[in-house]
Amino acid sequence: MILDADTDDLTLELHHSIDTKNLRVISRGSGNYLAIGQNCVLNAHIFLAGGARLTIGERVKSTGQLAFHLHEGSEVSIGDGCLFSHSITFRPSDAHKIFDCKTGERINPPSPIRIGKRVWVGEQVLVLKGAEVSDDSVVGARSTLTSAFVEPNLLIVGTPARVVRNGIRWQP
């Protein structure tokens, strides 16, 4: 694991039985948190800034590069037993604030990303703020997740992603 932190205010909870040889963590600012459960194999680039929180459950595996870009106290949680292909990106915030000119109201606040247990995510998937995938589901290659899919056992595909079948299960 390569760790690049500009502050001592990074909380790490890494289980000793994880494969971190292809893991790079960059932490900027204070209050960032990273937890990775036991028996994980991760090839990932993780950027945390401004109180960001990334929690990865047990037995999570990636066959290729994952990219996590968390800013402004945003959160991503990954459940146990997930399998990720390559070139998958997680962005729970836009990294830059956008305001309504008339009201001054912010129109793009961060929103958490939640991936349930035993979810299989295909290659080149983009997971954006507010996305949620329920347990035992599959996300097809090159999909873009922008909303919550709260029922379990779904096959989710497309840009933007949609349910094409329910009542499925997959086997690792």
Protein backbone atom coordinates (compact mmCIF):
# COMPACT_ATOMS: atom_id res chain seq x y z
CA MET A 1 0.00 0.00 0.00
CA ILE A 2 1.14 3.51 -0.83
CA LEU A 3 -0.11 6.16 1.58
CA ASP A 4 0.17 9.87 0.79
CA ALA A 5 -1.35 11.96 3.59
CA ASP A 6 -0.81 15.66 4.18
CA THR A 7 -2.18 15.39 7.72
CA ASP A 8 -2.11 13.05 10.67
CA ASP A 9 -5.89 13.29 10.87
CA LEU A 10 -6.63 10.15 8.80
CA THR A 11 -8.24 7.24 10.60
CA LEU A 12 -7.30 3.88 9.08
CA GLU A 13 -8.90 0.59 10.08
CA LEU A 14 -7.23 -2.02 7.93
CA HIS A 15 -7.61 -5.71 8.70
CA HIS A 16 -4.28 -7.54 8.65
CA SER A 17 -5.44 -10.16 6.10
CA ILE A 18 -5.93 -7.87 3.10
CA ASP A 19 -3.92 -7.72 -0.12
CA THR A 20 -2.81 -4.08 -0.45
CA LYS A 21 0.02 -4.36 -2.96
CA ASN A 22 -1.98 -2.42 -5.57
CA LEU A 23 -3.61 0.05 -3.20
CA ARG A 24 -2.83 3.79 -3.21
CA VAL A 25 -4.46 6.10 -0.66
CA ILE A 26 -4.26 9.88 -0.86
CA SER A 27 -5.68 11.89 2.05
CA ARG A 28 -6.06 15.66 2.04
CA GLY A 29 -7.48 17.76 4.85
CA SER A 30 -8.78 16.49 8.16
CA GLY A 31 -11.33 13.99 9.41
CA ASN A 32 -10.94 11.38 6.67
CA TYR A 33 -11.74 7.73 7.43
CA LEU A 34 -10.90 4.49 5.62
CA ALA A 35 -11.88 0.98 6.80
CA ILE A 36 -11.19 -2.23 4.88
CA GLY A 37 -12.44 -5.59 6.20
CA GLN A 38 -10.66 -8.92 6.25
CA ASN A 39 -9.80 -11.08 3.23
CA CYS A 40 -10.07 -8.25 0.70
CA VAL A 41 -8.06 -8.06 -2.51
CA LEU A 42 -8.10 -4.52 -3.83
CA ASN A 43 -6.47 -2.82 -6.76
CA ALA A 44 -7.58 0.73 -6.06
CA HIS A 45 -6.73 4.40 -6.10
CA ILE A 46 -8.45 6.11 -3.17
CA PHE A 47 -8.64 9.90 -2.77
CA LEU A 48 -10.16 11.22 0.47
CA ALA A 49 -10.64 14.92 1.28
CA GLY A 50 -12.55 17.07 3.74
CA GLY A 51 -13.93 14.49 6.15
CA ALA A 52 -14.64 11.76 3.59
CA ARG A 53 -15.56 8.22 4.73
CA LEU A 54 -14.94 5.00 2.80
CA THR A 55 -15.96 1.67 4.34
CA ILE A 56 -15.26 -1.61 2.53
CA GLY A 57 -16.63 -4.84 3.98
CA GLU A 58 -15.05 -8.30 4.18
CA ARG A 59 -14.13 -10.55 1.23
CA VAL A 60 -14.37 -7.74 -1.33
CA LYS A 61 -12.33 -8.36 -4.47
CA SER A 62 -11.43 -6.29 -7.50
CA THR A 63 -10.01 -7.87 -10.63
CA GLY A 64 -8.83 -4.49 -11.91
CA GLN A 65 -8.40 -0.85 -10.97
CA LEU A 66 -11.06 0.87 -8.86
CA ALA A 67 -11.09 4.64 -8.34
CA PHE A 68 -12.70 6.26 -5.30
CA HIS A 69 -12.90 10.09 -5.33
CA LEU A 70 -14.45 11.35 -2.08
CA HIS A 71 -14.65 15.05 -1.18
CA GLU A 72 -16.58 17.33 1.20
CA GLY A 73 -17.43 14.74 3.84
CA SER A 74 -18.96 12.40 1.28
CA GLU A 75 -19.40 8.68 1.99
CA VAL A 76 -19.12 5.37 0.18
CA SER A 77 -19.93 2.02 1.78
CA ILE A 78 -19.33 -1.37 0.17
CA GLY A 79 -20.91 -4.49 1.68
CA ASP A 80 -19.32 -7.89 2.28
CA GLY A 81 -18.59 -10.33 -0.55
CA CYS A 82 -18.69 -7.88 -3.47
CA LEU A 83 -16.85 -8.50 -6.72
CA PHE A 84 -15.66 -5.63 -8.93
CA SER A 85 -14.30 -5.85 -12.45
CA HIS A 86 -11.91 -3.17 -13.75
CA SER A 87 -12.10 0.57 -14.42
CA ILE A 88 -14.91 1.30 -11.95
CA THR A 89 -15.21 4.83 -10.55
CA PHE A 90 -17.05 6.00 -7.43
CA ARG A 91 -17.90 9.74 -7.06
CA PRO A 92 -20.27 10.67 -4.21
CA SER A 93 -19.66 14.38 -4.83
CA ASP A 94 -18.91 16.64 -7.77
CA ALA A 95 -15.77 18.01 -6.06
CA HIS A 96 -16.79 21.55 -7.01
CA LYS A 97 -19.79 23.44 -5.68
CA ILE A 98 -22.46 24.81 -8.04
CA PHE A 99 -24.91 27.51 -6.90
CA ASP A 100 -28.18 28.93 -8.18
CA CYS A 101 -27.46 32.52 -9.32
CA LYS A 102 -30.71 33.97 -7.96
CA THR A 103 -30.99 32.24 -4.58
CA GLY A 104 -27.36 31.43 -3.83
CA GLU A 105 -28.53 27.92 -2.92
CA ARG A 106 -26.15 25.08 -3.61
CA ILE A 107 -27.63 22.76 -6.22
CA ASN A 108 -25.13 19.87 -6.16
CA PRO A 109 -24.49 18.69 -2.59
CA PRO A 110 -22.74 15.36 -2.03
CA SER A 111 -24.86 12.27 -1.46
CA PRO A 112 -23.72 8.86 -0.14
CA ILE A 113 -23.12 5.81 -2.30
CA ARG A 114 -24.18 2.46 -0.86
CA ILE A 115 -23.35 -0.93 -2.38
CA GLY A 116 -25.00 -3.88 -0.61
CA LYS A 117 -23.65 -7.34 0.12
CA ARG A 118 -22.64 -9.78 -2.63
CA VAL A 119 -22.97 -7.27 -5.48
CA TRP A 120 -21.12 -7.95 -8.74
CA VAL A 121 -20.16 -4.83 -10.71
CA GLY A 122 -19.02 -5.18 -14.33
CA GLU A 123 -16.24 -3.28 -16.07
CA GLN A 124 -16.17 0.47 -16.65
CA VAL A 125 -19.12 1.27 -14.39
CA LEU A 126 -19.52 4.84 -13.13
CA VAL A 127 -21.15 5.09 -9.68
CA LEU A 128 -22.32 8.63 -8.91
CA LYS A 129 -23.67 10.41 -5.83
CA GLY A 130 -26.89 9.00 -4.42
CA ALA A 131 -26.46 5.61 -6.07
CA GLU A 132 -27.48 2.53 -4.14
CA VAL A 133 -27.39 -1.12 -5.17
CA SER A 134 -29.16 -3.70 -3.04
CA ASP A 135 -27.84 -7.10 -1.94
CA ASP A 136 -27.20 -9.95 -4.39
CA SER A 137 -27.51 -7.74 -7.48
CA VAL A 138 -25.47 -7.46 -10.69
CA VAL A 139 -24.52 -4.21 -12.45
CA GLY A 140 -23.71 -4.64 -16.15
CA ALA A 141 -20.60 -3.33 -17.87
CA ARG A 142 -20.41 0.37 -18.77
CA SER A 143 -23.49 1.27 -16.73
CA THR A 144 -23.88 4.64 -15.01
CA LEU A 145 -25.53 4.47 -11.59
CA THR A 146 -27.27 7.67 -10.51
CA SER A 147 -30.17 6.47 -8.34
CA ALA A 148 -31.15 3.96 -5.67
CA PHE A 149 -32.06 0.37 -6.51
CA VAL A 150 -33.41 -0.87 -3.19
CA GLU A 151 -34.83 -4.32 -4.03
CA PRO A 152 -32.42 -7.28 -3.80
CA ASN A 153 -31.50 -9.65 -6.64
CA LEU A 154 -31.64 -7.16 -9.51
CA LEU A 155 -29.91 -7.09 -12.89
CA ILE A 156 -29.11 -3.41 -13.51
CA VAL A 157 -27.72 -2.11 -16.83
CA GLY A 158 -27.44 0.99 -18.98
CA THR A 159 -26.71 4.69 -18.96
CA PRO A 160 -28.53 5.80 -16.95
CA ALA A 161 -28.87 2.43 -15.25
CA ARG A 162 -32.25 0.70 -15.05
CA VAL A 163 -33.53 -2.66 -13.86
CA VAL A 164 -33.87 -5.16 -16.70
CA ARG A 165 -34.65 -8.19 -14.57
CA ASN A 166 -35.42 -9.03 -10.95
CA GLY A 167 -35.25 -12.30 -9.05
CA ILE A 168 -31.71 -13.12 -10.22
CA ARG A 169 -28.75 -14.54 -8.32
CA TRP A 170 -25.11 -14.86 -9.25
CA GLN A 171 -22.32 -17.22 -8.30
CA PRO A 172 -18.72 -16.09 -7.79
